[in-house]
Amino acid sequence: MSKIENLLWGDRDDPRRELAELFPGEGESVTVRARDWARRVVDEAGVPGDDELRVIKTLRDAEPRLSLKPARYLAAQLNV
């Protein structure tokens, strides 16, 4: 039922919640750890940071558990 509610009302989940599960650790924030990982992956793949679609695909290929919303969040973080 939650999928229908997401379609009707929008997905209000915080993408940082999923990132915290994928990038656990102490010290620096989840966003910093995830952004550093994403930057390494994108740089190694040779994808320009301003090509959001390719960045998202590259990140999701590198980490299959990464869903679309957190991948978009990370792509936006890299483009800042």
Protein backbone atom coordinates (compact mmCIF):
# COMPACT_ATOMS: atom_id res chain seq x y z
CA MET A 1 0.00 0.00 0.00
CA SER A 2 2.87 2.43 0.65
CA LYS A 3 3.81 2.43 -3.06
CA ILE A 4 0.35 3.72 -3.93
CA GLU A 5 0.62 6.38 -1.24
CA ASN A 6 4.03 7.42 -2.60
CA LEU A 7 2.52 7.79 -6.06
CA LEU A 8 -0.39 9.83 -4.74
CA TRP A 9 1.35 12.02 -2.17
CA GLY A 10 5.02 11.82 -3.16
CA ASP A 11 7.93 10.07 -1.53
CA ARG A 12 8.79 11.97 1.61
CA ASP A 13 11.60 9.64 2.74
CA ASP A 14 14.89 11.34 3.53
CA PRO A 15 17.56 9.98 1.15
CA ARG A 16 20.14 10.33 3.91
CA ARG A 17 18.38 7.53 5.78
CA GLU A 18 19.25 5.01 3.05
CA LEU A 19 22.75 6.44 2.75
CA ALA A 20 23.27 5.87 6.48
CA GLU A 21 22.47 2.18 5.95
CA LEU A 22 24.81 1.89 2.97
CA PHE A 23 27.68 3.94 4.43
CA PRO A 24 27.75 3.26 8.18
CA GLY A 25 30.54 4.55 10.33
CA GLU A 26 31.69 6.89 13.03
CA GLY A 27 33.15 10.35 12.80
CA GLU A 28 32.29 12.36 9.72
CA SER A 29 28.69 12.66 8.63
CA VAL A 30 26.93 10.17 6.42
CA THR A 31 26.62 12.74 3.66
CA VAL A 32 30.37 13.39 3.68
CA ARG A 33 31.21 9.66 3.54
CA ALA A 34 28.68 9.02 0.77
CA ARG A 35 29.76 12.09 -1.20
CA ASP A 36 33.44 11.09 -0.98
CA TRP A 37 32.58 7.58 -2.21
CA ALA A 38 30.45 9.00 -5.03
CA ARG A 39 33.18 11.41 -6.11
CA ARG A 40 35.74 8.56 -6.27
CA VAL A 41 33.37 6.36 -8.29
CA VAL A 42 32.49 9.13 -10.73
CA ASP A 43 36.12 10.25 -11.13
CA GLU A 44 37.29 6.67 -11.74
CA ALA A 45 34.56 6.23 -14.36
CA GLY A 46 35.56 9.51 -16.05
CA VAL A 47 32.02 10.87 -15.89
CA PRO A 48 31.67 14.66 -15.70
CA GLY A 49 29.99 15.73 -12.46
CA ASP A 50 27.52 17.98 -14.26
CA ASP A 51 26.08 15.09 -16.34
CA GLU A 52 23.47 14.12 -13.75
CA LEU A 53 21.98 11.16 -15.63
CA ARG A 54 25.35 9.52 -16.22
CA VAL A 55 26.41 10.21 -12.64
CA ILE A 56 23.25 8.55 -11.30
CA LYS A 57 23.71 5.52 -13.57
CA THR A 58 27.38 5.21 -12.62
CA LEU A 59 26.59 5.37 -8.90
CA ARG A 60 23.77 2.83 -9.15
CA ASP A 61 25.94 0.50 -11.22
CA ALA A 62 28.69 0.74 -8.61
CA GLU A 63 26.27 0.13 -5.70
CA PRO A 64 23.17 -1.82 -6.79
CA ARG A 65 21.45 -1.29 -3.41
CA LEU A 66 21.41 2.48 -4.02
CA SER A 67 17.90 3.53 -5.00
CA LEU A 68 17.08 6.43 -7.29
CA LYS A 69 16.31 9.14 -4.73
CA PRO A 70 19.61 8.84 -2.80
CA ALA A 71 21.50 8.57 -6.10
CA ARG A 72 19.90 11.82 -7.27
CA TYR A 73 20.74 13.40 -3.91
CA LEU A 74 24.41 12.39 -4.29
CA ALA A 75 24.53 13.58 -7.90
CA ALA A 76 23.26 16.97 -6.76
CA GLN A 77 25.90 17.04 -3.99
CA LEU A 78 28.66 16.44 -6.55
CA ASN A 79 27.38 19.18 -8.82
CA VAL A 80 27.59 21.89 -6.15
